[in-house]
Every structure is written in structure tokens, then in C-alpha cells.
Amino acid sequence: MDNKITTKSTIELEIELNEEKLPVGIRWKSEANPQGPDYTECKAFSLALFDKEYKDTFKIDLWTKEMQVVEMDRFIFQTLRSLGDTYYRSTNNQELANEMQQFVDYFGRKTGIITDEPE
């Protein structure tokens, strides 16, 4: 695999805080945003970075008070599902990835995101 840099991309986050230092507005923008180059509003974000030198994870989770519990359930469900996919693509460990997806299915059913009713 060649490590030659061919493109760069920047992601910008803009966080508005109230007097209690709680997020009241979250926006992001990137050249790669399919919605366009301007800021896009969101209610929550989760960022995890793995430090190359210290082999530790730095994590930031923020959400606005507008974020409803049912929306947080969906956000966490989709994040967990994506993490399972990422884990499989990065390790090729099908057995453990399947077990992770079983938990995602359990979480989805417990929160009502997954139902047996046809949509």
C-alpha cells in the first residue's frame, strides 16, 4: 500500500454553548458533505480518535438538549451497527463481528427501533 498523499479533506465543527457550557447548537461542514459545502445542523456527534503514540482513545460525545431520547436511541443504534461493520472490515473477524451485530439487534429491539411489524 502506497502512503503517498493524493488529497486532503477538512471537517469543521462549530459548537455553541450556553452559560452552563452545554451545547445548544452543533454544526459541521466539509468539502465531502453530500449536502453541500455550507454548515449542516445536527443534534449530536461522537468522535473517537486513537492516539498513535499513547495507544489510547480520545473521545468526545456532545448532544443538544433538543435531542430526544428516541433520537438518541436511533443515533446509538446506528453508531453501534456502524462500529460492528468497521470492526469486521478492519479485522476480518467474522465471528466476533456477528456477535456484535447480535447485540445491535438486541439493542434495536429493546429500544423499539427494530420491530417485527412490516413498515
PDB file of N, CA and C in Angstrom:
ATOM      1  N   MET A   1       0.838  -1.174   0.000  1.00  0.00           N
ATOM      2  CA  MET A   1       0.000   0.000   0.000  1.00  0.00           C
ATOM      3  C   MET A   1       0.887   1.244   0.000  1.00  0.00           C
ATOM      4  N   ASP A   2       0.586   2.166  -0.896  1.00  0.00           N
ATOM      5  CA  ASP A   2       1.355   3.396  -1.047  1.00  0.00           C
ATOM      6  C   ASP A   2       0.843   4.449  -0.054  1.00  0.00           C
ATOM      7  N   ASN A   3       1.729   5.131   0.661  1.00  0.00           N
ATOM      8  CA  ASN A   3       1.340   6.162   1.616  1.00  0.00           C
ATOM      9  C   ASN A   3       1.435   7.571   1.040  1.00  0.00           C
ATOM     10  N   LYS A   4       1.531   7.673  -0.275  1.00  0.00           N
ATOM     11  CA  LYS A   4       1.609   8.978  -0.916  1.00  0.00           C
ATOM     12  C   LYS A   4       0.264   9.705  -0.772  1.00  0.00           C
ATOM     13  N   ILE A   5       0.303  10.940  -0.285  1.00  0.00           N
ATOM     14  CA  ILE A   5      -0.915  11.728  -0.099  1.00  0.00           C
ATOM     15  C   ILE A   5      -1.366  12.261  -1.458  1.00  0.00           C
ATOM     16  N   THR A   6      -2.614  11.975  -1.806  1.00  0.00           N
ATOM     17  CA  THR A   6      -3.154  12.454  -3.081  1.00  0.00           C
ATOM     18  C   THR A   6      -4.221  13.526  -2.888  1.00  0.00           C
ATOM     19  N   THR A   7      -4.912  13.521  -1.742  1.00  0.00           N
ATOM     20  CA  THR A   7      -5.906  14.560  -1.434  1.00  0.00           C
ATOM     21  C   THR A   7      -5.929  14.788   0.070  1.00  0.00           C
ATOM     22  N   LYS A   8      -6.481  15.914   0.454  1.00  0.00           N
ATOM     23  CA  LYS A   8      -6.705  16.223   1.867  1.00  0.00           C
ATOM     24  C   LYS A   8      -8.135  16.707   2.020  1.00  0.00           C
ATOM     25  N   SER A   9      -8.698  16.455   3.185  1.00  0.00           N
ATOM     26  CA  SER A   9     -10.048  16.907   3.478  1.00  0.00           C
ATOM     27  C   SER A   9     -10.080  17.450   4.897  1.00  0.00           C
ATOM     28  N   THR A  10     -10.858  18.498   5.098  1.00  0.00           N
ATOM     29  CA  THR A  10     -11.012  19.097   6.412  1.00  0.00           C
ATOM     30  C   THR A  10     -12.468  19.003   6.834  1.00  0.00           C
ATOM     31  N   ILE A  11     -12.682  18.630   8.082  1.00  0.00           N
ATOM     32  CA  ILE A  11     -14.016  18.629   8.672  1.00  0.00           C
ATOM     33  C   ILE A  11     -14.001  19.666   9.782  1.00  0.00           C
ATOM     34  N   GLU A  12     -14.938  20.595   9.726  1.00  0.00           N
ATOM     35  CA  GLU A  12     -15.035  21.641  10.744  1.00  0.00           C
ATOM     36  C   GLU A  12     -16.284  21.423  11.583  1.00  0.00           C
ATOM     37  N   LEU A  13     -16.125  21.567  12.904  1.00  0.00           N
ATOM     38  CA  LEU A  13     -17.238  21.502  13.836  1.00  0.00           C
ATOM     39  C   LEU A  13     -17.396  22.864  14.493  1.00  0.00           C
ATOM     40  N   GLU A  14     -18.623  23.303  14.607  1.00  0.00           N
ATOM     41  CA  GLU A  14     -18.912  24.561  15.293  1.00  0.00           C
ATOM     42  C   GLU A  14     -19.915  24.247  16.400  1.00  0.00           C
ATOM     43  N   ILE A  15     -19.508  24.502  17.647  1.00  0.00           N
ATOM     44  CA  ILE A  15     -20.326  24.175  18.815  1.00  0.00           C
ATOM     45  C   ILE A  15     -20.690  25.472  19.530  1.00  0.00           C
ATOM     46  N   GLU A  16     -21.973  25.684  19.745  1.00  0.00           N
ATOM     47  CA  GLU A  16     -22.442  26.836  20.523  1.00  0.00           C
ATOM     48  C   GLU A  16     -22.818  26.340  21.912  1.00  0.00           C
ATOM     49  N   LEU A  17     -22.292  27.001  22.937  1.00  0.00           N
ATOM     50  CA  LEU A  17     -22.539  26.607  24.321  1.00  0.00           C
ATOM     51  C   LEU A  17     -23.352  27.677  25.032  1.00  0.00           C
ATOM     52  N   ASN A  18     -24.194  27.259  25.984  1.00  0.00           N
ATOM     53  CA  ASN A  18     -24.918  28.228  26.801  1.00  0.00           C
ATOM     54  C   ASN A  18     -24.067  28.608  28.015  1.00  0.00           C
ATOM     55  N   GLU A  19     -24.662  29.324  28.948  1.00  0.00           N
ATOM     56  CA  GLU A  19     -23.925  29.797  30.129  1.00  0.00           C
ATOM     57  C   GLU A  19     -23.384  28.639  30.975  1.00  0.00           C
ATOM     58  N   GLU A  20     -24.087  27.506  30.950  1.00  0.00           N
ATOM     59  CA  GLU A  20     -23.647  26.337  31.718  1.00  0.00           C
ATOM     60  C   GLU A  20     -22.650  25.481  30.947  1.00  0.00           C
ATOM     61  N   LYS A  21     -22.197  25.981  29.799  1.00  0.00           N
ATOM     62  CA  LYS A  21     -21.240  25.276  28.930  1.00  0.00           C
ATOM     63  C   LYS A  21     -21.829  23.998  28.325  1.00  0.00           C
ATOM     64  N   LEU A  22     -23.155  23.982  28.128  1.00  0.00           N
ATOM     65  CA  LEU A  22     -23.829  22.861  27.486  1.00  0.00           C
ATOM     66  C   LEU A  22     -24.110  23.210  26.031  1.00  0.00           C
ATOM     67  N   PRO A  23     -23.985  22.249  25.125  1.00  0.00           N
ATOM     68  CA  PRO A  23     -24.198  22.544  23.706  1.00  0.00           C
ATOM     69  C   PRO A  23     -25.653  22.903  23.410  1.00  0.00           C
ATOM     70  N   VAL A  24     -25.855  23.998  22.719  1.00  0.00           N
ATOM     71  CA  VAL A  24     -27.187  24.397  22.266  1.00  0.00           C
ATOM     72  C   VAL A  24     -27.261  24.424  20.745  1.00  0.00           C
ATOM     73  N   GLY A  25     -26.112  24.368  20.099  1.00  0.00           N
ATOM     74  CA  GLY A  25     -26.066  24.311  18.647  1.00  0.00           C
ATOM     75  C   GLY A  25     -24.831  23.559  18.194  1.00  0.00           C
ATOM     76  N   ILE A  26     -25.020  22.655  17.238  1.00  0.00           N
ATOM     77  CA  ILE A  26     -23.905  21.898  16.674  1.00  0.00           C
ATOM     78  C   ILE A  26     -24.039  21.941  15.160  1.00  0.00           C
ATOM     79  N   ARG A  27     -22.978  22.345  14.493  1.00  0.00           N
ATOM     80  CA  ARG A  27     -22.942  22.385  13.038  1.00  0.00           C
ATOM     81  C   ARG A  27     -21.613  21.830  12.557  1.00  0.00           C
ATOM     82  N   TRP A  28     -21.617  21.282  11.346  1.00  0.00           N
ATOM     83  CA  TRP A  28     -20.391  20.768  10.761  1.00  0.00           C
ATOM     84  C   TRP A  28     -20.389  21.090   9.280  1.00  0.00           C
ATOM     85  N   LYS A  29     -19.163  21.136   8.730  1.00  0.00           N
ATOM     86  CA  LYS A  29     -19.042  21.299   7.289  1.00  0.00           C
ATOM     87  C   LYS A  29     -17.772  20.627   6.807  1.00  0.00           C
ATOM     88  N   SER A  30     -17.824  20.234   5.536  1.00  0.00           N
ATOM     89  CA  SER A  30     -16.703  19.579   4.889  1.00  0.00           C
ATOM     90  C   SER A  30     -16.920  19.647   3.384  1.00  0.00           C
ATOM     91  N   GLU A  31     -15.829  19.650   2.651  1.00  0.00           N
ATOM     92  CA  GLU A  31     -15.954  19.608   1.198  1.00  0.00           C
ATOM     93  C   GLU A  31     -16.644  18.316   0.762  1.00  0.00           C
ATOM     94  N   ALA A  32     -16.531  17.275   1.571  1.00  0.00           N
ATOM     95  CA  ALA A  32     -17.087  15.966   1.223  1.00  0.00           C
ATOM     96  C   ALA A  32     -18.543  15.799   1.663  1.00  0.00           C
ATOM     97  N   ASN A  33     -19.138  16.794   2.290  1.00  0.00           N
ATOM     98  CA  ASN A  33     -20.517  16.700   2.750  1.00  0.00           C
ATOM     99  C   ASN A  33     -21.455  16.614   1.542  1.00  0.00           C
ATOM    100  N   PRO A  34     -22.240  15.544   1.424  1.00  0.00           N
ATOM    101  CA  PRO A  34     -23.139  15.419   0.282  1.00  0.00           C
ATOM    102  C   PRO A  34     -24.241  16.484   0.259  1.00  0.00           C
ATOM    103  N   GLN A  35     -24.469  17.165   1.399  1.00  0.00           N
ATOM    104  CA  GLN A  35     -25.485  18.213   1.455  1.00  0.00           C
ATOM    105  C   GLN A  35     -24.943  19.568   1.008  1.00  0.00           C
ATOM    106  N   GLY A  36     -23.671  19.638   0.670  1.00  0.00           N
ATOM    107  CA  GLY A  36     -23.084  20.884   0.204  1.00  0.00           C
ATOM    108  C   GLY A  36     -21.996  21.386   1.129  1.00  0.00           C
ATOM    109  N   PRO A  37     -21.312  22.458   0.723  1.00  0.00           N
ATOM    110  CA  PRO A  37     -20.141  22.938   1.460  1.00  0.00           C
ATOM    111  C   PRO A  37     -20.461  23.809   2.676  1.00  0.00           C
ATOM    112  N   ASP A  38     -21.733  24.207   2.867  1.00  0.00           N
ATOM    113  CA  ASP A  38     -22.089  25.064   3.998  1.00  0.00           C
ATOM    114  C   ASP A  38     -22.290  24.236   5.265  1.00  0.00           C
ATOM    115  N   TYR A  39     -22.356  24.932   6.400  1.00  0.00           N
ATOM    116  CA  TYR A  39     -22.598  24.245   7.667  1.00  0.00           C
ATOM    117  C   TYR A  39     -23.935  23.517   7.638  1.00  0.00           C
ATOM    118  N   THR A  40     -23.947  22.310   8.210  1.00  0.00           N
ATOM    119  CA  THR A  40     -25.150  21.495   8.344  1.00  0.00           C
ATOM    120  C   THR A  40     -25.424  21.316   9.825  1.00  0.00           C
ATOM    121  N   GLU A  41     -26.662  21.590  10.240  1.00  0.00           N
ATOM    122  CA  GLU A  41     -27.048  21.436  11.638  1.00  0.00           C
ATOM    123  C   GLU A  41     -27.148  19.961  12.001  1.00  0.00           C
ATOM    124  N   CYS A  42     -26.789  19.651  13.238  1.00  0.00           N
ATOM    125  CA  CYS A  42     -27.017  18.309  13.771  1.00  0.00           C
ATOM    126  C   CYS A  42     -27.331  18.441  15.256  1.00  0.00           C
ATOM    127  N   LYS A  43     -27.872  17.391  15.825  1.00  0.00           N
ATOM    128  CA  LYS A  43     -28.230  17.402  17.236  1.00  0.00           C
ATOM    129  C   LYS A  43     -27.197  16.712  18.111  1.00  0.00           C
ATOM    130  N   ALA A  44     -26.338  15.894  17.498  1.00  0.00           N
ATOM    131  CA  ALA A  44     -25.358  15.149  18.287  1.00  0.00           C
ATOM    132  C   ALA A  44     -24.197  14.739  17.400  1.00  0.00           C
ATOM    133  N   PHE A  45     -23.063  14.501  18.042  1.00  0.00           N
ATOM    134  CA  PHE A  45     -21.941  13.884  17.332  1.00  0.00           C
ATOM    135  C   PHE A  45     -21.096  13.110  18.326  1.00  0.00           C
ATOM    136  N   SER A  46     -20.389  12.130  17.794  1.00  0.00           N
ATOM    137  CA  SER A  46     -19.497  11.298  18.579  1.00  0.00           C
ATOM    138  C   SER A  46     -18.200  11.186  17.792  1.00  0.00           C
ATOM    139  N   LEU A  47     -17.100  11.499  18.434  1.00  0.00           N
ATOM    140  CA  LEU A  47     -15.799  11.474  17.773  1.00  0.00           C
ATOM    141  C   LEU A  47     -14.843  10.633  18.615  1.00  0.00           C
ATOM    142  N   ALA A  48     -14.189   9.679  17.977  1.00  0.00           N
ATOM    143  CA  ALA A  48     -13.192   8.857  18.663  1.00  0.00           C
ATOM    144  C   ALA A  48     -11.911   8.882  17.848  1.00  0.00           C
ATOM    145  N   LEU A  49     -10.817   9.192  18.504  1.00  0.00           N
ATOM    146  CA  LEU A  49      -9.507   9.236  17.866  1.00  0.00           C
ATOM    147  C   LEU A  49      -8.567   8.319  18.632  1.00  0.00           C
ATOM    148  N   PHE A  50      -7.827   7.478  17.915  1.00  0.00           N
ATOM    149  CA  PHE A  50      -6.870   6.585  18.552  1.00  0.00           C
ATOM    150  C   PHE A  50      -5.489   7.199  18.432  1.00  0.00           C
ATOM    151  N   ASP A  51      -4.880   7.526  19.573  1.00  0.00           N
ATOM    152  CA  ASP A  51      -3.586   8.178  19.606  1.00  0.00           C
ATOM    153  C   ASP A  51      -2.488   7.209  19.176  1.00  0.00           C
ATOM    154  N   LYS A  52      -1.723   7.616  18.186  1.00  0.00           N
ATOM    155  CA  LYS A  52      -0.664   6.774  17.620  1.00  0.00           C
ATOM    156  C   LYS A  52       0.414   6.438  18.641  1.00  0.00           C
ATOM    157  N   GLU A  53       0.829   7.436  19.425  1.00  0.00           N
ATOM    158  CA  GLU A  53       1.931   7.235  20.363  1.00  0.00           C
ATOM    159  C   GLU A  53       1.487   6.548  21.657  1.00  0.00           C
ATOM    160  N   TYR A  54       0.389   7.027  22.254  1.00  0.00           N
ATOM    161  CA  TYR A  54      -0.023   6.534  23.563  1.00  0.00           C
ATOM    162  C   TYR A  54      -0.936   5.309  23.497  1.00  0.00           C
ATOM    163  N   LYS A  55      -1.382   4.949  22.284  1.00  0.00           N
ATOM    164  CA  LYS A  55      -2.259   3.784  22.099  1.00  0.00           C
ATOM    165  C   LYS A  55      -3.500   3.874  22.979  1.00  0.00           C
ATOM    166  N   ASP A  56      -4.075   5.061  23.019  1.00  0.00           N
ATOM    167  CA  ASP A  56      -5.263   5.313  23.826  1.00  0.00           C
ATOM    168  C   ASP A  56      -6.285   6.053  22.973  1.00  0.00           C
ATOM    169  N   THR A  57      -7.540   5.965  23.355  1.00  0.00           N
ATOM    170  CA  THR A  57      -8.615   6.600  22.601  1.00  0.00           C
ATOM    171  C   THR A  57      -9.052   7.885  23.283  1.00  0.00           C
ATOM    172  N   PHE A  58      -9.135   8.934  22.493  1.00  0.00           N
ATOM    173  CA  PHE A  58      -9.678  10.215  22.924  1.00  0.00           C
ATOM    174  C   PHE A  58     -11.081  10.296  22.348  1.00  0.00           C
ATOM    175  N   LYS A  59     -12.082  10.561  23.188  1.00  0.00           N
ATOM    176  CA  LYS A  59     -13.475  10.508  22.748  1.00  0.00           C
ATOM    177  C   LYS A  59     -14.213  11.758  23.176  1.00  0.00           C
ATOM    178  N   ILE A  60     -15.003  12.294  22.260  1.00  0.00           N
ATOM    179  CA  ILE A  60     -15.872  13.433  22.549  1.00  0.00           C
ATOM    180  C   ILE A  60     -17.284  13.062  22.106  1.00  0.00           C
ATOM    181  N   ASP A  61     -18.234  13.167  23.009  1.00  0.00           N
ATOM    182  CA  ASP A  61     -19.645  12.965  22.704  1.00  0.00           C
ATOM    183  C   ASP A  61     -20.396  14.213  23.142  1.00  0.00           C
ATOM    184  N   LEU A  62     -21.094  14.835  22.214  1.00  0.00           N
ATOM    185  CA  LEU A  62     -21.893  16.022  22.532  1.00  0.00           C
ATOM    186  C   LEU A  62     -23.271  15.891  21.898  1.00  0.00           C
ATOM    187  N   TRP A  63     -24.275  16.417  22.584  1.00  0.00           N
ATOM    188  CA  TRP A  63     -25.618  16.470  22.031  1.00  0.00           C
ATOM    189  C   TRP A  63     -26.323  17.688  22.607  1.00  0.00           C
ATOM    190  N   THR A  64     -27.247  18.225  21.826  1.00  0.00           N
ATOM    191  CA  THR A  64     -28.003  19.384  22.276  1.00  0.00           C
ATOM    192  C   THR A  64     -29.175  18.919  23.121  1.00  0.00           C
ATOM    193  N   LYS A  65     -29.746  19.847  23.876  1.00  0.00           N
ATOM    194  CA  LYS A  65     -30.897  19.478  24.705  1.00  0.00           C
ATOM    195  C   LYS A  65     -32.132  19.233  23.851  1.00  0.00           C
ATOM    196  N   GLU A  66     -32.078  19.586  22.563  1.00  0.00           N
ATOM    197  CA  GLU A  66     -33.166  19.267  21.635  1.00  0.00           C
ATOM    198  C   GLU A  66     -33.221  17.782  21.313  1.00  0.00           C
ATOM    199  N   MET A  67     -32.131  17.077  21.513  1.00  0.00           N
ATOM    200  CA  MET A  67     -32.048  15.655  21.180  1.00  0.00           C
ATOM    201  C   MET A  67     -33.002  14.874  22.072  1.00  0.00           C
ATOM    202  N   GLN A  68     -33.981  14.239  21.454  1.00  0.00           N
ATOM    203  CA  GLN A  68     -34.959  13.450  22.200  1.00  0.00           C
ATOM    204  C   GLN A  68     -34.396  12.053  22.456  1.00  0.00           C
ATOM    205  N   VAL A  69     -34.923  11.394  23.481  1.00  0.00           N
ATOM    206  CA  VAL A  69     -34.438  10.067  23.845  1.00  0.00           C
ATOM    207  C   VAL A  69     -34.598   9.105  22.674  1.00  0.00           C
ATOM    208  N   VAL A  70     -35.709   9.147  21.974  1.00  0.00           N
ATOM    209  CA  VAL A  70     -35.926   8.247  20.844  1.00  0.00           C
ATOM    210  C   VAL A  70     -34.899   8.516  19.736  1.00  0.00           C
ATOM    211  N   GLU A  71     -34.489   9.769  19.575  1.00  0.00           N
ATOM    212  CA  GLU A  71     -33.445  10.099  18.604  1.00  0.00           C
ATOM    213  C   GLU A  71     -32.084   9.593  19.079  1.00  0.00           C
ATOM    214  N   MET A  72     -31.805   9.707  20.368  1.00  0.00           N
ATOM    215  CA  MET A  72     -30.541   9.196  20.905  1.00  0.00           C
ATOM    216  C   MET A  72     -30.484   7.680  20.760  1.00  0.00           C
ATOM    217  N   ASP A  73     -31.614   7.002  21.004  1.00  0.00           N
ATOM    218  CA  ASP A  73     -31.656   5.558  20.796  1.00  0.00           C
ATOM    219  C   ASP A  73     -31.270   5.222  19.357  1.00  0.00           C
ATOM    220  N   ARG A  74     -31.828   5.933  18.395  1.00  0.00           N
ATOM    221  CA  ARG A  74     -31.537   5.675  16.982  1.00  0.00           C
ATOM    222  C   ARG A  74     -30.080   6.004  16.666  1.00  0.00           C
ATOM    223  N   PHE A  75     -29.569   7.114  17.210  1.00  0.00           N
ATOM    224  CA  PHE A  75     -28.173   7.520  16.999  1.00  0.00           C
ATOM    225  C   PHE A  75     -27.211   6.444  17.517  1.00  0.00           C
ATOM    226  N   ILE A  76     -27.470   5.956  18.724  1.00  0.00           N
ATOM    227  CA  ILE A  76     -26.614   4.929  19.313  1.00  0.00           C
ATOM    228  C   ILE A  76     -26.742   3.624  18.533  1.00  0.00           C
ATOM    229  N   PHE A  77     -27.962   3.240  18.150  1.00  0.00           N
ATOM    230  CA  PHE A  77     -28.183   2.035  17.350  1.00  0.00           C
ATOM    231  C   PHE A  77     -27.376   2.091  16.059  1.00  0.00           C
ATOM    232  N   GLN A  78     -27.485   3.197  15.332  1.00  0.00           N
ATOM    233  CA  GLN A  78     -26.773   3.325  14.062  1.00  0.00           C
ATOM    234  C   GLN A  78     -25.261   3.352  14.267  1.00  0.00           C
ATOM    235  N   THR A  79     -24.813   3.981  15.359  1.00  0.00           N
ATOM    236  CA  THR A  79     -23.383   4.030  15.667  1.00  0.00           C
ATOM    237  C   THR A  79     -22.857   2.629  15.989  1.00  0.00           C
ATOM    238  N   LEU A  80     -23.585   1.881  16.806  1.00  0.00           N
ATOM    239  CA  LEU A  80     -23.173   0.520  17.143  1.00  0.00           C
ATOM    240  C   LEU A  80     -23.128  -0.365  15.896  1.00  0.00           C
ATOM    241  N   ARG A  81     -24.143  -0.235  15.045  1.00  0.00           N
ATOM    242  CA  ARG A  81     -24.172  -1.028  13.814  1.00  0.00           C
ATOM    243  C   ARG A  81     -22.962  -0.702  12.936  1.00  0.00           C
ATOM    244  N   SER A  82     -22.651   0.575  12.831  1.00  0.00           N
ATOM    245  CA  SER A  82     -21.501   1.015  12.046  1.00  0.00           C
ATOM    246  C   SER A  82     -20.187   0.519  12.652  1.00  0.00           C
ATOM    247  N   LEU A  83     -20.080   0.535  13.977  1.00  0.00           N
ATOM    248  CA  LEU A  83     -18.867   0.036  14.633  1.00  0.00           C
ATOM    249  C   LEU A  83     -18.658  -1.449  14.363  1.00  0.00           C
ATOM    250  N   GLY A  84     -19.733  -2.212  14.358  1.00  0.00           N
ATOM    251  CA  GLY A  84     -19.627  -3.631  14.032  1.00  0.00           C
ATOM    252  C   GLY A  84     -19.099  -3.834  12.617  1.00  0.00           C
ATOM    253  N   ASP A  85     -19.618  -3.040  11.679  1.00  0.00           N
ATOM    254  CA  ASP A  85     -19.146  -3.116  10.289  1.00  0.00           C
ATOM    255  C   ASP A  85     -17.671  -2.709  10.190  1.00  0.00           C
ATOM    256  N   THR A  86     -17.323  -1.640  10.887  1.00  0.00           N
ATOM    257  CA  THR A  86     -15.934  -1.169  10.884  1.00  0.00           C
ATOM    258  C   THR A  86     -15.010  -2.229  11.464  1.00  0.00           C
ATOM    259  N   TYR A  87     -15.447  -2.842  12.560  1.00  0.00           N
ATOM    260  CA  TYR A  87     -14.636  -3.876  13.181  1.00  0.00           C
ATOM    261  C   TYR A  87     -14.375  -5.022  12.198  1.00  0.00           C
ATOM    262  N   TYR A  88     -15.430  -5.457  11.503  1.00  0.00           N
ATOM    263  CA  TYR A  88     -15.251  -6.567  10.555  1.00  0.00           C
ATOM    264  C   TYR A  88     -14.309  -6.176   9.409  1.00  0.00           C
ATOM    265  N   ARG A  89     -14.519  -4.991   8.823  1.00  0.00           N
ATOM    266  CA  ARG A  89     -13.669  -4.561   7.706  1.00  0.00           C
ATOM    267  C   ARG A  89     -12.202  -4.420   8.122  1.00  0.00           C
ATOM    268  N   SER A  90     -11.968  -4.032   9.375  1.00  0.00           N
ATOM    269  CA  SER A  90     -10.586  -3.799   9.806  1.00  0.00           C
ATOM    270  C   SER A  90      -9.885  -5.047  10.328  1.00  0.00           C
ATOM    271  N   THR A  91     -10.646  -6.046  10.784  1.00  0.00           N
ATOM    272  CA  THR A  91     -10.026  -7.245  11.366  1.00  0.00           C
ATOM    273  C   THR A  91     -10.336  -8.529  10.611  1.00  0.00           C
ATOM    274  N   ASN A  92     -11.404  -8.508   9.840  1.00  0.00           N
ATOM    275  CA  ASN A  92     -11.887  -9.698   9.131  1.00  0.00           C
ATOM    276  C   ASN A  92     -12.313 -10.804  10.106  1.00  0.00           C
ATOM    277  N   ASN A  93     -12.629 -10.429  11.354  1.00  0.00           N
ATOM    278  CA  ASN A  93     -13.066 -11.383  12.368  1.00  0.00           C
ATOM    279  C   ASN A  93     -14.591 -11.512  12.282  1.00  0.00           C
ATOM    280  N   GLN A  94     -15.046 -12.426  11.422  1.00  0.00           N
ATOM    281  CA  GLN A  94     -16.478 -12.602  11.172  1.00  0.00           C
ATOM    282  C   GLN A  94     -17.243 -13.044  12.413  1.00  0.00           C
ATOM    283  N   GLU A  95     -16.655 -13.947  13.204  1.00  0.00           N
ATOM    284  CA  GLU A  95     -17.339 -14.473  14.387  1.00  0.00           C
ATOM    285  C   GLU A  95     -17.665 -13.372  15.390  1.00  0.00           C
ATOM    286  N   LEU A  96     -16.679 -12.578  15.740  1.00  0.00           N
ATOM    287  CA  LEU A  96     -16.913 -11.519  16.713  1.00  0.00           C
ATOM    288  C   LEU A  96     -17.789 -10.407  16.131  1.00  0.00           C
ATOM    289  N   ALA A  97     -17.621 -10.111  14.849  1.00  0.00           N
ATOM    290  CA  ALA A  97     -18.474  -9.105  14.203  1.00  0.00           C
ATOM    291  C   ALA A  97     -19.936  -9.553  14.244  1.00  0.00           C
ATOM    292  N   ASN A  98     -20.189 -10.837  14.030  1.00  0.00           N
ATOM    293  CA  ASN A  98     -21.557 -11.359  14.111  1.00  0.00           C
ATOM    294  C   ASN A  98     -22.116 -11.213  15.522  1.00  0.00           C
ATOM    295  N   GLU A  99     -21.287 -11.489  16.523  1.00  0.00           N
ATOM    296  CA  GLU A  99     -21.734 -11.336  17.908  1.00  0.00           C
ATOM    297  C   GLU A  99     -22.042  -9.877  18.229  1.00  0.00           C
ATOM    298  N   MET A 100     -21.236  -8.969  17.697  1.00  0.00           N
ATOM    299  CA  MET A 100     -21.517  -7.543  17.888  1.00  0.00           C
ATOM    300  C   MET A 100     -22.855  -7.184  17.248  1.00  0.00           C
ATOM    301  N   GLN A 101     -23.113  -7.702  16.052  1.00  0.00           N
ATOM    302  CA  GLN A 101     -24.373  -7.403  15.363  1.00  0.00           C
ATOM    303  C   GLN A 101     -25.562  -8.021  16.103  1.00  0.00           C
ATOM    304  N   GLN A 102     -25.359  -9.131  16.786  1.00  0.00           N
ATOM    305  CA  GLN A 102     -26.437  -9.703  17.603  1.00  0.00           C
ATOM    306  C   GLN A 102     -26.805  -8.747  18.727  1.00  0.00           C
ATOM    307  N   PHE A 103     -25.788  -8.105  19.344  1.00  0.00           N
ATOM    308  CA  PHE A 103     -26.090  -7.119  20.378  1.00  0.00           C
ATOM    309  C   PHE A 103     -26.807  -5.905  19.782  1.00  0.00           C
ATOM    310  N   VAL A 104     -26.376  -5.482  18.592  1.00  0.00           N
ATOM    311  CA  VAL A 104     -27.030  -4.349  17.930  1.00  0.00           C
ATOM    312  C   VAL A 104     -28.505  -4.675  17.688  1.00  0.00           C
ATOM    313  N   ASP A 105     -28.784  -5.893  17.250  1.00  0.00           N
ATOM    314  CA  ASP A 105     -30.160  -6.328  17.032  1.00  0.00           C
ATOM    315  C   ASP A 105     -30.939  -6.298  18.349  1.00  0.00           C
ATOM    316  N   TYR A 106     -30.329  -6.809  19.427  1.00  0.00           N
ATOM    317  CA  TYR A 106     -30.947  -6.782  20.756  1.00  0.00           C
ATOM    318  C   TYR A 106     -31.244  -5.335  21.172  1.00  0.00           C
ATOM    319  N   PHE A 107     -30.263  -4.456  21.013  1.00  0.00           N
ATOM    320  CA  PHE A 107     -30.439  -3.048  21.369  1.00  0.00           C
ATOM    321  C   PHE A 107     -31.584  -2.436  20.560  1.00  0.00           C
ATOM    322  N   GLY A 108     -31.609  -2.712  19.260  1.00  0.00           N
ATOM    323  CA  GLY A 108     -32.661  -2.179  18.395  1.00  0.00           C
ATOM    324  C   GLY A 108     -34.039  -2.645  18.802  1.00  0.00           C
ATOM    325  N   ARG A 109     -34.158  -3.894  19.209  1.00  0.00           N
ATOM    326  CA  ARG A 109     -35.459  -4.418  19.651  1.00  0.00           C
ATOM    327  C   ARG A 109     -35.863  -3.833  21.002  1.00  0.00           C
ATOM    328  N   LYS A 110     -34.911  -3.721  21.929  1.00  0.00           N
ATOM    329  CA  LYS A 110     -35.212  -3.173  23.264  1.00  0.00           C
ATOM    330  C   LYS A 110     -35.628  -1.705  23.198  1.00  0.00           C
ATOM    331  N   THR A 111     -35.097  -0.970  22.230  1.00  0.00           N
ATOM    332  CA  THR A 111     -35.438   0.452  22.109  1.00  0.00           C
ATOM    333  C   THR A 111     -36.603   0.695  21.151  1.00  0.00           C
ATOM    334  N   GLY A 112     -37.087  -0.367  20.495  1.00  0.00           N
ATOM    335  CA  GLY A 112     -38.217  -0.220  19.588  1.00  0.00           C
ATOM    336  C   GLY A 112     -37.838   0.224  18.187  1.00  0.00           C
ATOM    337  N   ILE A 113     -36.565   0.302  17.910  1.00  0.00           N
ATOM    338  CA  ILE A 113     -36.125   0.694  16.558  1.00  0.00           C
ATOM    339  C   ILE A 113     -36.395  -0.451  15.594  1.00  0.00           C
ATOM    340  N   ILE A 114     -36.152  -1.670  16.038  1.00  0.00           N
ATOM    341  CA  ILE A 114     -36.455  -2.856  15.238  1.00  0.00           C
ATOM    342  C   ILE A 114     -37.733  -3.476  15.793  1.00  0.00           C
ATOM    343  N   THR A 115     -38.688  -3.692  14.926  1.00  0.00           N
ATOM    344  CA  THR A 115     -39.926  -4.360  15.311  1.00  0.00           C
ATOM    345  C   THR A 115     -40.201  -5.481  14.330  1.00  0.00           C
ATOM    346  N   ASP A 116     -41.087  -6.366  14.695  1.00  0.00           N
ATOM    347  CA  ASP A 116     -41.472  -7.447  13.792  1.00  0.00           C
ATOM    348  C   ASP A 116     -42.602  -7.021  12.862  1.00  0.00           C
ATOM    349  N   GLU A 117     -43.091  -5.798  13.055  1.00  0.00           N
ATOM    350  CA  GLU A 117     -44.178  -5.293  12.218  1.00  0.00           C
ATOM    351  C   GLU A 117     -43.636  -4.826  10.879  1.00  0.00           C
ATOM    352  N   PRO A 118     -44.359  -5.121   9.786  1.00  0.00           N
ATOM    353  CA  PRO A 118     -43.901  -4.607   8.478  1.00  0.00           C
ATOM    354  C   PRO A 118     -44.025  -3.089   8.430  1.00  0.00           C
ATOM    355  N   GLU A 119     -43.090  -2.452   7.741  1.00  0.00           N
ATOM    356  CA  GLU A 119     -43.102  -0.976   7.673  1.00  0.00           C
ATOM    357  C   GLU A 119     -44.052  -0.487   6.630  1.00  0.00           C
TER     358      GLU A 119
END
